[in-house]
C-alpha atoms as a PDB file:
ATOM      1  CA  MET A   1      72.146  92.298-178.210  1.00  0.00           C
ATOM      2  CA  LYS A   2      71.700  93.649-174.467  1.00  0.00           C
ATOM      3  CA  ILE A   3      67.882  93.256-174.000  1.00  0.00           C
ATOM      4  CA  ALA A   4      65.971  94.648-171.088  1.00  0.00           C
ATOM      5  CA  LEU A   5      62.129  92.884-169.832  1.00  0.00           C
ATOM      6  CA  GLY A   6      59.346  93.911-168.439  1.00  0.00           C
ATOM      7  CA  THR A   7      56.075  92.948-167.536  1.00  0.00           C
ATOM      8  CA  ASP A   8      53.316  92.007-165.117  1.00  0.00           C
ATOM      9  CA  HIS A   9      51.798  89.054-163.385  1.00  0.00           C
ATOM     10  CA  ALA A  10      49.882  88.247-166.604  1.00  0.00           C
ATOM     11  CA  GLY A  11      52.945  88.081-168.463  1.00  0.00           C
ATOM     12  CA  PHE A  12      55.567  86.225-165.843  1.00  0.00           C
ATOM     13  CA  ALA A  13      56.026  82.693-167.257  1.00  0.00           C
ATOM     14  CA  PHE A  14      56.617  84.238-170.895  1.00  0.00           C
ATOM     15  CA  LYS A  15      59.312  86.355-169.681  1.00  0.00           C
ATOM     16  CA  GLU A  16      60.823  83.607-168.041  1.00  0.00           C
ATOM     17  CA  ARG A  17      60.642  81.434-170.929  1.00  0.00           C
ATOM     18  CA  VAL A  18      61.812  84.238-172.724  1.00  0.00           C
ATOM     19  CA  LYS A  19      64.641  85.113-170.251  1.00  0.00           C
ATOM     20  CA  ALA A  20      66.266  82.011-170.398  1.00  0.00           C
ATOM     21  CA  PHE A  21      66.331  81.498-174.268  1.00  0.00           C
ATOM     22  CA  LEU A  22      68.075  84.937-175.059  1.00  0.00           C
ATOM     23  CA  PRO A  23      71.558  84.166-173.732  1.00  0.00           C
ATOM     24  CA  THR A  24      71.592  80.893-175.897  1.00  0.00           C
ATOM     25  CA  LEU A  25      71.026  83.586-178.917  1.00  0.00           C
ATOM     26  CA  GLY A  26      74.068  85.568-177.526  1.00  0.00           C
ATOM     27  CA  HIS A  27      72.291  87.715-175.739  1.00  0.00           C
ATOM     28  CA  GLU A  28      72.367  89.850-172.341  1.00  0.00           C
ATOM     29  CA  VAL A  29      69.402  90.414-170.785  1.00  0.00           C
ATOM     30  CA  VAL A  30      68.235  92.940-167.969  1.00  0.00           C
ATOM     31  CA  ASP A  31      65.233  92.030-165.599  1.00  0.00           C
ATOM     32  CA  PHE A  32      63.138  94.783-164.983  1.00  0.00           C
ATOM     33  CA  GLY A  33      60.736  92.763-163.391  1.00  0.00           C
ATOM     34  CA  THR A  34      58.370  91.880-162.066  1.00  0.00           C
ATOM     35  CA  HIS A  35      59.811  88.770-160.412  1.00  0.00           C
ATOM     36  CA  ASP A  36      56.654  86.603-159.800  1.00  0.00           C
ATOM     37  CA  GLU A  37      53.260  85.952-160.095  1.00  0.00           C
ATOM     38  CA  GLU A  38      52.086  88.698-157.472  1.00  0.00           C
ATOM     39  CA  SER A  39      48.743  91.163-159.167  1.00  0.00           C
ATOM     40  CA  CYS A  40      50.953  94.744-160.175  1.00  0.00           C
ATOM     41  CA  ASP A  41      51.138  96.819-161.964  1.00  0.00           C
ATOM     42  CA  TYR A  42      52.286  96.986-165.793  1.00  0.00           C
ATOM     43  CA  PRO A  43      54.034 100.347-165.747  1.00  0.00           C
ATOM     44  CA  ASP A  44      56.036  99.765-163.366  1.00  0.00           C
ATOM     45  CA  PHE A  45      58.140  97.438-165.063  1.00  0.00           C
ATOM     46  CA  VAL A  46      57.435  98.523-169.496  1.00  0.00           C
ATOM     47  CA  ILE A  47      58.084 101.751-168.637  1.00  0.00           C
ATOM     48  CA  PRO A  48      61.530 101.640-167.408  1.00  0.00           C
ATOM     49  CA  ALA A  49      62.447  98.872-170.280  1.00  0.00           C
ATOM     50  CA  ALA A  50      61.312 101.122-172.982  1.00  0.00           C
ATOM     51  CA  ALA A  51      63.087 103.825-171.091  1.00  0.00           C
ATOM     52  CA  ALA A  52      66.483 101.956-170.753  1.00  0.00           C
ATOM     53  CA  VAL A  53      65.880 101.670-174.806  1.00  0.00           C
ATOM     54  CA  ALA A  54      65.045 105.299-174.991  1.00  0.00           C
ATOM     55  CA  ARG A  55      68.166 105.957-173.174  1.00  0.00           C
ATOM     56  CA  GLY A  56      70.335 103.417-175.319  1.00  0.00           C
ATOM     57  CA  GLU A  57      71.123 101.715-171.809  1.00  0.00           C
ATOM     58  CA  CYS A  58      69.741  98.357-173.718  1.00  0.00           C
ATOM     59  CA  ALA A  59      69.392  97.735-177.921  1.00  0.00           C
ATOM     60  CA  ARG A  60      65.925  96.897-177.437  1.00  0.00           C
ATOM     61  CA  ALA A  61      63.179  95.198-175.318  1.00  0.00           C
ATOM     62  CA  ILE A  62      60.281  92.402-175.012  1.00  0.00           C
ATOM     63  CA  VAL A  63      57.487  93.155-173.141  1.00  0.00           C
ATOM     64  CA  PHE A  64      54.677  91.210-171.830  1.00  0.00           C
ATOM     65  CA  GLY A  65      50.997  91.582-170.738  1.00  0.00           C
ATOM     66  CA  GLY A  66      48.077  89.230-170.476  1.00  0.00           C
ATOM     67  CA  SER A  67      47.054  90.943-173.768  1.00  0.00           C
ATOM     68  CA  GLY A  68      50.247  92.951-174.282  1.00  0.00           C
ATOM     69  CA  ASN A  69      48.201  95.599-175.476  1.00  0.00           C
ATOM     70  CA  GLY A  70      48.620  98.004-172.154  1.00  0.00           C
ATOM     71  CA  GLU A  71      51.952  97.424-171.869  1.00  0.00           C
ATOM     72  CA  ALA A  72      52.526  98.778-175.789  1.00  0.00           C
ATOM     73  CA  ILE A  73      50.932 101.334-175.421  1.00  0.00           C
ATOM     74  CA  ALA A  74      52.715 101.899-172.013  1.00  0.00           C
ATOM     75  CA  ALA A  75      56.065 101.508-173.892  1.00  0.00           C
ATOM     76  CA  ASN A  76      54.865 104.150-177.308  1.00  0.00           C
ATOM     77  CA  LYS A  77      54.728 106.867-174.198  1.00  0.00           C
ATOM     78  CA  ILE A  78      58.634 107.006-174.744  1.00  0.00           C
ATOM     79  CA  ARG A  79      59.985 109.234-176.973  1.00  0.00           C
ATOM     80  CA  GLY A  80      62.186 106.986-179.029  1.00  0.00           C
ATOM     81  CA  VAL A  81      60.301 103.904-178.739  1.00  0.00           C
ATOM     82  CA  ARG A  82      58.434 102.382-181.479  1.00  0.00           C
ATOM     83  CA  CYS A  83      56.650  99.297-179.776  1.00  0.00           C
ATOM     84  CA  GLY A  84      54.319  96.681-181.370  1.00  0.00           C
ATOM     85  CA  LEU A  85      52.204  94.599-180.157  1.00  0.00           C
ATOM     86  CA  CYS A  86      52.726  91.412-182.034  1.00  0.00           C
ATOM     87  CA  TRP A  87      51.162  87.739-182.200  1.00  0.00           C
ATOM     88  CA  THR A  88      52.485  86.031-185.046  1.00  0.00           C
ATOM     89  CA  VAL A  89      55.635  85.628-186.407  1.00  0.00           C
ATOM     90  CA  GLU A  90      54.615  88.025-189.171  1.00  0.00           C
ATOM     91  CA  ALA A  91      53.457  90.595-187.340  1.00  0.00           C
ATOM     92  CA  ALA A  92      57.046  90.815-185.635  1.00  0.00           C
ATOM     93  CA  ARG A  93      58.993  90.180-188.977  1.00  0.00           C
ATOM     94  CA  LEU A  94      56.728  93.548-190.025  1.00  0.00           C
ATOM     95  CA  ASN A  95      57.280  95.001-187.366  1.00  0.00           C
ATOM     96  CA  ARG A  96      61.036  95.065-187.686  1.00  0.00           C
ATOM     97  CA  ALA A  97      61.413  95.429-191.332  1.00  0.00           C
ATOM     98  CA  HIS A  98      58.525  98.414-191.710  1.00  0.00           C
ATOM     99  CA  ASN A  99      58.495  99.973-188.160  1.00  0.00           C
ATOM    100  CA  ASP A 100      61.782  99.228-186.809  1.00  0.00           C
ATOM    101  CA  GLY A 101      60.461  98.472-183.929  1.00  0.00           C
ATOM    102  CA  ASN A 102      62.764  98.573-180.755  1.00  0.00           C
ATOM    103  CA  VAL A 103      60.387  97.140-178.139  1.00  0.00           C
ATOM    104  CA  LEU A 104      58.626  94.008-178.683  1.00  0.00           C
ATOM    105  CA  SER A 105      55.011  93.483-176.744  1.00  0.00           C
ATOM    106  CA  ILE A 106      53.574  90.425-176.570  1.00  0.00           C
ATOM    107  CA  GLY A 107      50.369  88.856-174.890  1.00  0.00           C
ATOM    108  CA  GLY A 108      50.686  85.641-172.059  1.00  0.00           C
ATOM    109  CA  ARG A 109      47.012  85.258-172.362  1.00  0.00           C
ATOM    110  CA  LEU A 110      46.288  85.598-176.115  1.00  0.00           C
ATOM    111  CA  VAL A 111      50.063  84.353-177.998  1.00  0.00           C
ATOM    112  CA  PRO A 112      50.402  80.801-177.957  1.00  0.00           C
ATOM    113  CA  GLU A 113      53.189  79.634-175.751  1.00  0.00           C
ATOM    114  CA  ALA A 114      54.171  77.236-179.312  1.00  0.00           C
ATOM    115  CA  ASP A 115      54.693  80.239-180.584  1.00  0.00           C
ATOM    116  CA  LEU A 116      56.318  82.750-178.465  1.00  0.00           C
ATOM    117  CA  LEU A 117      59.923  81.873-179.411  1.00  0.00           C
ATOM    118  CA  ASP A 118      59.952  81.966-182.610  1.00  0.00           C
ATOM    119  CA  ILE A 119      58.020  85.279-182.490  1.00  0.00           C
ATOM    120  CA  VAL A 120      61.190  86.656-180.402  1.00  0.00           C
ATOM    121  CA  ARG A 121      63.230  84.952-183.180  1.00  0.00           C
ATOM    122  CA  ILE A 122      62.449  86.705-186.226  1.00  0.00           C
ATOM    123  CA  TRP A 123      61.887  90.175-184.311  1.00  0.00           C
ATOM    124  CA  LEU A 124      65.975  89.833-183.360  1.00  0.00           C
ATOM    125  CA  ALA A 125      66.733  88.591-185.777  1.00  0.00           C
ATOM    126  CA  THR A 126      64.672  90.855-189.307  1.00  0.00           C
ATOM    127  CA  PRO A 127      66.892  94.236-190.141  1.00  0.00           C
ATOM    128  CA  PHE A 128      64.911  97.124-191.312  1.00  0.00           C
ATOM    129  CA  ASP A 129      64.256  97.711-194.998  1.00  0.00           C
ATOM    130  CA  GLY A 130      64.672 101.060-194.647  1.00  0.00           C
ATOM    131  CA  GLY A 131      63.435 102.748-198.278  1.00  0.00           C
ATOM    132  CA  ARG A 132      60.820 103.855-197.908  1.00  0.00           C
ATOM    133  CA  HIS A 133      59.889 103.305-194.596  1.00  0.00           C
ATOM    134  CA  ALA A 134      62.519 105.412-193.051  1.00  0.00           C
ATOM    135  CA  ALA A 135      60.700 108.563-194.005  1.00  0.00           C
ATOM    136  CA  ARG A 136      57.842 107.075-191.984  1.00  0.00           C
ATOM    137  CA  ILE A 137      59.744 106.457-188.653  1.00  0.00           C
ATOM    138  CA  ALA A 138      61.101 109.736-188.929  1.00  0.00           C
ATOM    139  CA  LYS A 139      57.883 111.577-188.480  1.00  0.00           C
ATOM    140  CA  LEU A 140      57.569 109.700-185.003  1.00  0.00           C
ATOM    141  CA  ALA A 141      60.619 110.891-183.856  1.00  0.00           C
ATOM    142  CA  ASP A 142      60.188 113.436-181.715  1.00  0.00           C
ATOM    143  CA  LEU A 143      56.966 112.336-180.544  1.00  0.00           C
ATOM    144  CA  GLY A 144      56.766 111.355-176.316  1.00  0.00           C
ATOM    145  CA  THR A 145      58.349 111.924-173.231  1.00  0.00           C
ATOM    146  CA  PRO A 146      62.042 111.756-173.209  1.00  0.00           C
ATOM    147  CA  ALA A 147      63.203 108.214-171.022  1.00  0.00           C
ATOM    148  CA  ASP A 148      64.833 110.889-168.813  1.00  0.00           C
ATOM    149  CA  ALA A 149      61.855 112.952-167.750  1.00  0.00           C
ATOM    150  CA  GLY A 150      61.311 112.617-164.171  1.00  0.00           C
ATOM    151  CA  LEU A 151      60.470 108.628-164.923  1.00  0.00           C
ATOM    152  CA  ALA A 152      63.192 107.109-162.758  1.00  0.00           C
ATOM    153  CA  ALA A 153      60.667 109.084-159.455  1.00  0.00           C
ATOM    154  CA  LEU A 154      57.252 107.676-161.244  1.00  0.00           C
ATOM    155  CA  PHE A 155      58.607 104.118-161.746  1.00  0.00           C
ATOM    156  CA  PRO A 156      61.455 103.143-159.280  1.00  0.00           C
ATOM    157  CA  ALA A 157      63.105 100.228-159.706  1.00  0.00           C
ATOM    158  CA  ARG A 158      61.908  97.724-157.320  1.00  0.00           C
END
């Protein structure tokens, strides 16, 4: 599976750890940055990662920040993205099983480092339950900004 990554400076260390981990599970990584711990604005990296999922260029994305809140808000502005802020393995499992989450947001200042890879592993491995949840997901389908709505001009690749 091709997985996009995006972060600001506060999530950089977690992004790098996940970036090294994903290939060991057989996944391909597309790193939208940032590429160091210098202070930066999370939308510049999270929006392109989320948009890559919405356009079908990547199957899923994982985004990081200090709390993960702003990153989840930014990702969810893109039509077709269902980003969940997950801080435990159970939250990650439910994001996939009930919400068919295609973007995972993790707060580098709030999630214990010891839990990071387990959260990612469970989120990637959990299938969507469908059933009653599918109708709920369908109600979200047309909300948000299209991934091709001039976002490249607003958030150029770095």
